[in-house]
Amino acid sequence: MTDKQPSAPAPAKTRRSQSGVIHVNEPHTENFTVVGNHLLQHPELSLMAIGLAVHIQSLPDGAPIGIKTLAAKFPEGEIRIAAALRELEEHGYLTRARERLQSGQVRTRTTSYNKPSGTASVPAAEPQAPAPAPKASAPGTPAADLLTRLRTYDSRLLLSERDVRRLVPEVSAWLERGVPATVVERTLTSGLPQDPIKHPAAFLAHRLGALLPPALPLRAPAPPSPPALRSAPMQNCDGCERGFRAALPGRCRDCRERSGRAA
């Protein structure tokens, strides 16, 4: 009777397909991070932003993630890292708020969200649907975009959708008065206070109302052009038959002067 050979370890589960990637999945029991496909397959985030979000989510609470700290870890440099952090803020995966300590120093408190509100789960095996064609801009869309972008300058200016809708008419008033959008942004983000901004919508509404520039004066209509002067018609002098211009027939000036001297 032959001896039974010990069973070989079960191979890792694989998913075969005719083309494309083949997954070899091993279960993790320690030292791993759960990341949603809404982030890993995000249609608008760059690969740099996705990778940075995964790294941040893998860190323990309290780990420093300033731009200089991250640049010391990775080769991308401060500029690309700062741009990736702004992407994550725009899509709700990150918020950065400046806080003033009792000592007077200001520090940045960063919060990472592994699933921002409003994100939908994405099936792992299904490809992403193509992004829909951009729609024509509706009235007020440039003002809404401007207000939404303010948090990229300072996270304390993060607005809710309701706040954005409420402030759109006030921003539109600036744009309708001929103020460029870049000037409106600079007005709202320059010289911000060091103290925490508890109510960003009220703060921005105050600036928009208090600093609203006057409307450009209307140009006065040009004065009407004077009527063109018409030349008097040609007449034949009754005395010397010489031609001269006058409104009515008669004698030329020379004949009138000779007649006056003779009298």
Protein backbone atom coordinates (compact mmCIF):
# COMPACT_ATOMS: atom_id res chain seq x y z
CA MET A 1 0.00 0.00 0.00
CA THR A 2 1.55 3.28 -1.08
CA ASP A 3 2.02 6.17 1.34
CA LYS A 4 -0.17 9.26 0.78
CA GLN A 5 1.74 12.35 -0.17
CA PRO A 6 0.99 15.52 1.83
CA SER A 7 -1.35 17.89 0.06
CA ALA A 8 0.30 20.74 -1.82
CA PRO A 9 -0.72 24.28 -0.81
CA ALA A 10 -3.75 25.56 -2.68
CA PRO A 11 -2.80 27.94 -5.46
CA ALA A 12 -3.83 31.56 -5.22
CA LYS A 13 -7.17 32.34 -6.81
CA THR A 14 -6.83 33.88 -10.23
CA ARG A 15 -9.29 35.38 -12.63
CA ARG A 16 -8.55 34.47 -16.22
CA SER A 17 -9.62 36.60 -19.11
CA GLN A 18 -8.92 36.53 -22.80
CA SER A 19 -7.02 39.80 -22.71
CA GLY A 20 -6.00 42.50 -20.27
CA VAL A 21 -4.78 42.17 -16.71
CA ILE A 22 -4.84 38.88 -14.78
CA HIS A 23 -5.21 39.20 -10.99
CA VAL A 24 -3.35 36.98 -8.53
CA ASN A 25 -5.06 37.77 -5.22
CA GLU A 26 -3.58 36.74 -1.87
CA PRO A 27 -5.59 37.46 1.29
CA HIS A 28 -4.07 39.99 3.68
CA THR A 29 -4.31 39.30 7.40
CA GLU A 30 -2.08 42.10 8.72
CA ASN A 31 -0.39 45.34 7.72
CA PHE A 32 -2.88 46.34 5.01
CA THR A 33 -5.16 49.27 4.16
CA VAL A 34 -8.67 49.05 2.70
CA VAL A 35 -9.07 51.46 -0.22
CA GLY A 36 -12.27 51.95 -2.23
CA ASN A 37 -12.49 51.66 -5.99
CA HIS A 38 -14.13 55.10 -6.04
CA LEU A 39 -10.63 56.41 -5.34
CA LEU A 40 -8.50 53.88 -7.23
CA GLN A 41 -10.62 54.20 -10.39
CA HIS A 42 -11.53 57.88 -10.02
CA PRO A 43 -12.13 59.29 -13.52
CA GLU A 44 -10.93 62.83 -12.70
CA LEU A 45 -8.00 62.38 -10.29
CA SER A 46 -4.46 62.06 -11.62
CA LEU A 47 -2.37 58.99 -10.86
CA MET A 48 -0.20 61.21 -8.67
CA ALA A 49 -3.21 62.25 -6.57
CA ILE A 50 -4.54 58.68 -6.31
CA GLY A 51 -1.18 57.34 -5.18
CA LEU A 52 -0.75 60.13 -2.66
CA ALA A 53 -4.26 59.51 -1.26
CA VAL A 54 -3.49 55.80 -0.79
CA HIS A 55 -0.23 56.64 0.99
CA ILE A 56 -1.94 59.13 3.31
CA GLN A 57 -4.72 56.64 4.13
CA SER A 58 -2.08 54.05 5.06
CA LEU A 59 -0.47 56.35 7.65
CA PRO A 60 -1.41 56.27 11.35
CA ASP A 61 -3.21 59.20 12.98
CA GLY A 62 -0.83 62.02 13.84
CA ALA A 63 1.68 61.21 11.09
CA PRO A 64 3.07 64.43 9.49
CA ILE A 65 1.99 64.89 5.86
CA GLY A 66 3.18 68.41 5.10
CA ILE A 67 4.43 69.16 1.60
CA LYS A 68 8.06 69.26 2.69
CA THR A 69 7.68 65.98 4.62
CA LEU A 70 6.17 64.23 1.60
CA ALA A 71 8.77 65.72 -0.76
CA ALA A 72 11.50 64.26 1.43
CA LYS A 73 9.93 60.78 0.99
CA PHE A 74 9.13 60.81 -2.72
CA PRO A 75 10.95 62.01 -5.86
CA GLU A 76 8.07 64.04 -7.34
CA GLY A 77 8.99 67.32 -5.63
CA GLU A 78 7.00 69.97 -3.77
CA ILE A 79 5.20 71.45 -6.79
CA ARG A 80 3.68 68.17 -7.98
CA ILE A 81 2.85 67.08 -4.44
CA ALA A 82 1.11 70.41 -3.73
CA ALA A 83 -0.92 70.05 -6.95
CA ALA A 84 -1.95 66.50 -5.99
CA LEU A 85 -3.05 67.66 -2.53
CA ARG A 86 -5.21 70.35 -4.15
CA GLU A 87 -6.83 67.68 -6.35
CA LEU A 88 -7.69 65.60 -3.29
CA GLU A 89 -9.17 68.67 -1.59
CA GLU A 90 -11.29 69.49 -4.62
CA HIS A 91 -12.79 65.99 -4.65
CA GLY A 92 -13.35 65.76 -0.89
CA TYR A 93 -10.62 63.27 0.04
CA LEU A 94 -8.73 65.83 2.07
CA THR A 95 -9.35 69.01 4.05
CA ARG A 96 -6.71 71.34 5.44
CA ALA A 97 -7.61 73.96 8.03
CA ARG A 98 -5.26 76.42 9.71
CA GLU A 99 -5.60 76.74 13.47
CA ARG A 100 -4.07 79.25 15.85
CA LEU A 101 -2.58 77.76 19.01
CA GLN A 102 -2.61 79.46 22.41
CA SER A 103 1.06 80.23 21.87
CA GLY A 104 0.10 82.32 18.83
CA GLN A 105 1.58 79.91 16.32
CA VAL A 106 -0.52 78.76 13.36
CA ARG A 107 -0.61 75.10 12.35
CA THR A 108 -2.41 73.19 9.62
CA ARG A 109 -4.76 70.39 10.64
CA THR A 110 -5.24 67.86 7.83
CA THR A 111 -8.14 65.40 7.73
CA SER A 112 -8.16 62.44 5.31
CA TYR A 113 -11.44 60.86 4.18
CA ASN A 114 -11.36 57.30 2.86
CA LYS A 115 -14.86 57.75 1.39
CA PRO A 116 -16.07 61.32 0.91
CA SER A 117 -19.79 61.89 1.07
CA GLY A 118 -21.49 61.42 -2.27
CA THR A 119 -18.97 58.93 -3.70
CA ALA A 120 -20.50 55.86 -5.29
CA SER A 121 -19.03 52.37 -5.11
CA VAL A 122 -17.42 51.18 -8.34
CA PRO A 123 -17.47 47.46 -9.24
CA ALA A 124 -13.90 46.20 -9.46
CA ALA A 125 -14.37 44.08 -12.61
CA GLU A 126 -16.37 46.58 -14.66
CA PRO A 127 -14.72 49.30 -16.78
CA GLN A 128 -15.52 52.90 -16.13
CA ALA A 129 -18.13 54.46 -18.36
CA PRO A 130 -16.82 57.30 -20.55
CA ALA A 131 -17.26 60.73 -19.09
CA PRO A 132 -20.35 62.52 -20.45
CA ALA A 133 -19.87 65.35 -22.88
CA PRO A 134 -19.68 68.72 -21.15
CA LYS A 135 -22.94 70.61 -21.09
CA ALA A 136 -23.34 74.20 -22.09
CA SER A 137 -22.65 76.54 -19.24
CA ALA A 138 -25.79 77.71 -17.48
CA PRO A 139 -26.17 81.29 -16.25
CA GLY A 140 -24.21 81.74 -13.05
CA THR A 141 -21.88 78.76 -13.72
CA PRO A 142 -18.70 80.97 -13.91
CA ALA A 143 -19.67 82.49 -10.51
CA ALA A 144 -20.36 79.02 -8.98
CA ASP A 145 -17.01 77.69 -10.24
CA LEU A 146 -15.22 80.69 -8.76
CA LEU A 147 -16.80 80.15 -5.34
CA THR A 148 -16.05 76.41 -5.37
CA ARG A 149 -12.37 77.05 -6.21
CA LEU A 150 -11.82 79.31 -3.20
CA ARG A 151 -11.04 76.33 -0.93
CA THR A 152 -7.95 75.60 -3.07
CA TYR A 153 -6.51 78.93 -1.86
CA ASP A 154 -7.41 78.37 1.79
CA SER A 155 -9.31 75.37 3.18
CA ARG A 156 -11.11 77.72 5.59
CA LEU A 157 -13.09 78.99 2.58
CA LEU A 158 -14.76 75.61 2.01
CA LEU A 159 -18.42 76.24 1.10
CA SER A 160 -21.43 73.96 1.00
CA GLU A 161 -23.53 73.67 -2.16
CA ARG A 162 -26.25 75.70 -0.45
CA ASP A 163 -23.75 78.48 0.39
CA VAL A 164 -22.49 78.50 -3.21
CA ARG A 165 -26.02 78.91 -4.59
CA ARG A 166 -26.70 81.73 -2.11
CA LEU A 167 -23.52 83.64 -3.04
CA VAL A 168 -23.76 83.20 -6.83
CA PRO A 169 -25.91 86.37 -7.33
CA GLU A 170 -23.42 88.47 -5.35
CA VAL A 171 -20.46 87.24 -7.41
CA SER A 172 -22.48 87.70 -10.61
CA ALA A 173 -22.99 91.35 -9.66
CA TRP A 174 -19.20 91.83 -9.75
CA LEU A 175 -18.85 90.05 -13.09
CA GLU A 176 -21.73 92.04 -14.62
CA ARG A 177 -19.91 95.24 -13.66
CA GLY A 178 -16.96 94.23 -15.80
CA VAL A 179 -14.68 92.91 -13.02
CA PRO A 180 -12.59 89.94 -14.27
CA ALA A 181 -13.03 86.65 -12.39
CA THR A 182 -9.32 86.66 -11.42
CA VAL A 183 -9.78 90.03 -9.71
CA VAL A 184 -12.82 88.74 -7.79
CA GLU A 185 -10.83 85.70 -6.60
CA ARG A 186 -7.93 87.90 -5.51
CA THR A 187 -10.29 90.21 -3.62
CA LEU A 188 -11.87 87.30 -1.73
CA THR A 189 -8.62 85.48 -0.89
CA SER A 190 -6.15 88.31 -0.17
CA GLY A 191 -5.43 89.49 3.36
CA LEU A 192 -7.32 86.71 5.11
CA PRO A 193 -7.36 86.90 8.92
CA GLN A 194 -5.10 84.61 10.92
CA ASP A 195 -7.95 83.67 13.24
CA PRO A 196 -10.23 80.76 12.30
CA ILE A 197 -13.03 81.61 9.85
CA LYS A 198 -16.01 79.99 11.54
CA HIS A 199 -18.59 81.07 8.96
CA PRO A 200 -16.91 81.30 5.53
CA ALA A 201 -20.16 82.07 3.69
CA ALA A 202 -20.91 85.05 5.92
CA PHE A 203 -17.28 86.22 5.66
CA LEU A 204 -17.38 86.11 1.85
CA ALA A 205 -20.82 87.72 1.69
CA HIS A 206 -19.51 90.64 3.75
CA ARG A 207 -16.52 91.13 1.44
CA LEU A 208 -18.66 90.88 -1.70
CA GLY A 209 -21.10 93.47 -0.38
CA ALA A 210 -18.67 95.88 1.27
CA LEU A 211 -16.13 95.93 -1.58
CA LEU A 212 -18.55 95.88 -4.52
CA PRO A 213 -17.19 98.41 -7.04
CA PRO A 214 -19.53 100.91 -8.70
CA ALA A 215 -20.88 100.20 -12.14
CA LEU A 216 -18.96 101.72 -15.00
CA PRO A 217 -20.49 105.04 -16.08
CA LEU A 218 -22.53 104.95 -19.26
CA ARG A 219 -20.93 106.71 -22.17
CA ALA A 220 -22.75 109.91 -23.16
CA PRO A 221 -24.14 109.76 -26.70
CA ALA A 222 -22.09 111.63 -29.24
CA PRO A 223 -23.53 115.06 -30.14
CA PRO A 224 -25.27 115.15 -33.51
CA SER A 225 -23.13 116.31 -36.37
CA PRO A 226 -23.90 119.83 -37.61
CA PRO A 227 -25.70 119.86 -40.92
CA ALA A 228 -23.39 120.20 -43.86
CA LEU A 229 -23.29 123.69 -45.30
CA ARG A 230 -24.47 123.81 -48.88
CA SER A 231 -22.80 126.23 -51.27
CA ALA A 232 -24.96 128.94 -52.79
CA PRO A 233 -25.86 128.37 -56.45
CA MET A 234 -24.07 130.11 -59.28
CA GLN A 235 -25.73 133.27 -60.63
CA ASN A 236 -24.96 135.52 -63.62
CA CYS A 237 -24.41 139.13 -62.68
CA ASP A 238 -27.08 141.40 -64.21
CA GLY A 239 -24.46 144.15 -64.67
CA CYS A 240 -21.30 142.45 -65.98
CA GLU A 241 -22.56 138.97 -66.80
CA ARG A 242 -19.81 137.53 -64.55
CA GLY A 243 -20.63 134.42 -62.60
CA PHE A 244 -20.89 134.61 -58.82
CA ARG A 245 -22.47 132.57 -56.02
CA ALA A 246 -25.56 133.92 -54.32
CA ALA A 247 -28.87 132.65 -53.05
CA LEU A 248 -30.87 134.94 -55.43
CA PRO A 249 -30.16 136.45 -58.86
CA GLY A 250 -28.84 140.02 -58.97
CA ARG A 251 -25.51 141.83 -59.27
CA CYS A 252 -22.09 140.73 -58.09
CA ARG A 253 -20.29 142.53 -55.31
CA ASP A 254 -18.11 144.62 -57.61
CA CYS A 255 -21.12 145.91 -59.55
CA ARG A 256 -22.94 146.74 -56.34
CA GLU A 257 -19.92 148.69 -55.07
CA ARG A 258 -19.59 150.67 -58.35
CA SER A 259 -23.30 151.44 -58.27
CA GLY A 260 -22.99 152.69 -54.70
CA ARG A 261 -20.04 154.98 -55.52
CA ALA A 262 -21.87 156.42 -58.55
CA ALA A 263 -24.83 157.29 -56.43
